[in-house]
Amino acid sequence: MTLLSVSNDGTDWILHFDGPITTNTGVTPDSAFDVSGNAVTSVSPAVGSVCSLTDDGILYSAGQPWEMVSQPNWLVTPLAGPSSGTTT
């Protein structure tokens, strides 16, 4: 599974994967994924290949750097490897 892109809706980060995913919303998110250095604070249930996250930052906008450095504890579906990009 690969993380393709990260967009925002003004209050959450929307993560788009290349196939269906399963999330574990019952854990405290680890630091495997961040946007502009802001840690994830909550994860929504997955809907198909998409899930949404909130973080401890306040800037939900395009052009922010993101990175997935390892398999996050909240993503049950195995990742192919690290990825990074810029929010849209």
C-alpha atoms as a PDB file:
ATOM      1  CA  MET A   1       0.000   0.000   0.000  1.00  0.00           C
ATOM      2  CA  THR A   2       1.264   3.463  -0.888  1.00  0.00           C
ATOM      3  CA  LEU A   3       0.207   6.889   0.381  1.00  0.00           C
ATOM      4  CA  LEU A   4      -0.491   8.848  -2.807  1.00  0.00           C
ATOM      5  CA  SER A   5      -1.398  12.315  -1.555  1.00  0.00           C
ATOM      6  CA  VAL A   6      -2.458  14.446   1.386  1.00  0.00           C
ATOM      7  CA  SER A   7      -5.079  17.156   1.005  1.00  0.00           C
ATOM      8  CA  ASN A   8      -7.066  19.183   3.524  1.00  0.00           C
ATOM      9  CA  ASP A   9     -10.634  20.244   4.142  1.00  0.00           C
ATOM     10  CA  GLY A  10      -9.794  23.178   6.411  1.00  0.00           C
ATOM     11  CA  THR A  11     -10.027  21.161   9.659  1.00  0.00           C
ATOM     12  CA  ASP A  12      -8.456  17.756   8.832  1.00  0.00           C
ATOM     13  CA  TRP A  13      -5.770  16.162   6.683  1.00  0.00           C
ATOM     14  CA  ILE A  14      -7.249  13.780   4.116  1.00  0.00           C
ATOM     15  CA  LEU A  15      -4.912  10.889   3.213  1.00  0.00           C
ATOM     16  CA  HIS A  16      -5.406   9.153  -0.151  1.00  0.00           C
ATOM     17  CA  PHE A  17      -3.927   5.653  -0.561  1.00  0.00           C
ATOM     18  CA  ASP A  18      -3.664   3.469  -3.690  1.00  0.00           C
ATOM     19  CA  GLY A  19      -6.154   0.903  -2.363  1.00  0.00           C
ATOM     20  CA  PRO A  20      -8.541   0.120   0.503  1.00  0.00           C
ATOM     21  CA  ILE A  21      -7.132   0.593   4.004  1.00  0.00           C
ATOM     22  CA  THR A  22      -8.088  -0.238   7.576  1.00  0.00           C
ATOM     23  CA  THR A  23      -7.376   2.140  10.464  1.00  0.00           C
ATOM     24  CA  ASN A  24      -7.172   1.500  14.202  1.00  0.00           C
ATOM     25  CA  THR A  25      -8.867   4.476  15.864  1.00  0.00           C
ATOM     26  CA  GLY A  26      -8.368   3.025  19.353  1.00  0.00           C
ATOM     27  CA  VAL A  27      -4.666   3.853  19.657  1.00  0.00           C
ATOM     28  CA  THR A  28      -2.826   7.051  20.495  1.00  0.00           C
ATOM     29  CA  PRO A  29      -1.206   7.913  17.144  1.00  0.00           C
ATOM     30  CA  ASP A  30       2.582   7.572  16.964  1.00  0.00           C
ATOM     31  CA  SER A  31       4.956   9.925  15.138  1.00  0.00           C
ATOM     32  CA  ALA A  32       5.287   7.918  11.886  1.00  0.00           C
ATOM     33  CA  PHE A  33       3.282  10.550   9.929  1.00  0.00           C
ATOM     34  CA  ASP A  34       3.423  14.315  10.232  1.00  0.00           C
ATOM     35  CA  VAL A  35       2.672  17.489   8.322  1.00  0.00           C
ATOM     36  CA  SER A  36       5.126  20.362   8.836  1.00  0.00           C
ATOM     37  CA  GLY A  37       6.425  18.614  11.961  1.00  0.00           C
ATOM     38  CA  ASN A  38       2.988  18.477  13.622  1.00  0.00           C
ATOM     39  CA  ALA A  39       2.113  15.149  15.213  1.00  0.00           C
ATOM     40  CA  VAL A  40      -1.178  13.364  14.554  1.00  0.00           C
ATOM     41  CA  THR A  41      -3.641  13.623  17.446  1.00  0.00           C
ATOM     42  CA  SER A  42      -6.588  11.615  16.076  1.00  0.00           C
ATOM     43  CA  VAL A  43      -7.445   9.277  13.207  1.00  0.00           C
ATOM     44  CA  SER A  44     -10.842   8.685  11.598  1.00  0.00           C
ATOM     45  CA  PRO A  45     -12.178   5.321  10.448  1.00  0.00           C
ATOM     46  CA  ALA A  46     -11.124   4.577   6.868  1.00  0.00           C
ATOM     47  CA  VAL A  47     -13.608   4.848   4.010  1.00  0.00           C
ATOM     48  CA  GLY A  48     -12.235   2.794   1.112  1.00  0.00           C
ATOM     49  CA  SER A  49      -8.789   4.191   0.321  1.00  0.00           C
ATOM     50  CA  VAL A  50      -9.185   7.417   2.344  1.00  0.00           C
ATOM     51  CA  CYS A  51      -8.901   8.436   5.992  1.00  0.00           C
ATOM     52  CA  SER A  52      -8.686  11.765   7.775  1.00  0.00           C
ATOM     53  CA  LEU A  53      -6.379  12.921  10.564  1.00  0.00           C
ATOM     54  CA  THR A  54      -6.125  15.881  12.876  1.00  0.00           C
ATOM     55  CA  ASP A  55      -2.828  17.132  14.258  1.00  0.00           C
ATOM     56  CA  ASP A  56      -1.533  19.541  16.875  1.00  0.00           C
ATOM     57  CA  GLY A  57      -0.953  22.294  14.307  1.00  0.00           C
ATOM     58  CA  ILE A  58      -3.430  24.928  13.227  1.00  0.00           C
ATOM     59  CA  LEU A  59      -2.428  25.406   9.594  1.00  0.00           C
ATOM     60  CA  TYR A  60      -4.509  23.169   7.319  1.00  0.00           C
ATOM     61  CA  SER A  61      -3.520  24.485   3.903  1.00  0.00           C
ATOM     62  CA  ALA A  62      -1.936  23.473   0.606  1.00  0.00           C
ATOM     63  CA  GLY A  63       1.835  23.553   0.231  1.00  0.00           C
ATOM     64  CA  GLN A  64       2.765  21.996   3.588  1.00  0.00           C
ATOM     65  CA  PRO A  65       5.434  19.240   3.591  1.00  0.00           C
ATOM     66  CA  TRP A  66       4.293  15.820   4.814  1.00  0.00           C
ATOM     67  CA  GLU A  67       6.118  12.578   5.443  1.00  0.00           C
ATOM     68  CA  MET A  68       5.313   8.990   6.374  1.00  0.00           C
ATOM     69  CA  VAL A  69       8.625   7.721   7.742  1.00  0.00           C
ATOM     70  CA  SER A  70       7.471   4.249   8.822  1.00  0.00           C
ATOM     71  CA  GLN A  71       4.388   2.087   9.370  1.00  0.00           C
ATOM     72  CA  PRO A  72       2.095   4.126  11.654  1.00  0.00           C
ATOM     73  CA  ASN A  73       0.476   2.294  14.561  1.00  0.00           C
ATOM     74  CA  TRP A  74      -2.982   3.533  13.482  1.00  0.00           C
ATOM     75  CA  LEU A  75      -2.745   2.053   9.956  1.00  0.00           C
ATOM     76  CA  VAL A  76      -3.536  -1.679  10.041  1.00  0.00           C
ATOM     77  CA  THR A  77      -2.910  -2.126   6.301  1.00  0.00           C
ATOM     78  CA  PRO A  78       0.843  -2.641   5.664  1.00  0.00           C
ATOM     79  CA  LEU A  79       2.684   0.141   3.818  1.00  0.00           C
ATOM     80  CA  ALA A  80       5.127  -0.489   0.972  1.00  0.00           C
ATOM     81  CA  GLY A  81       7.604   1.958   2.502  1.00  0.00           C
ATOM     82  CA  PRO A  82       8.263   5.576   3.476  1.00  0.00           C
ATOM     83  CA  SER A  83       6.826   8.409   1.382  1.00  0.00           C
ATOM     84  CA  SER A  84       6.692  12.196   1.415  1.00  0.00           C
ATOM     85  CA  GLY A  85       5.249  15.100  -0.500  1.00  0.00           C
ATOM     86  CA  THR A  86       3.429  18.415  -0.268  1.00  0.00           C
ATOM     87  CA  THR A  87      -0.191  18.899   0.747  1.00  0.00           C
ATOM     88  CA  THR A  88      -2.740  19.942  -1.857  1.00  0.00           C
END
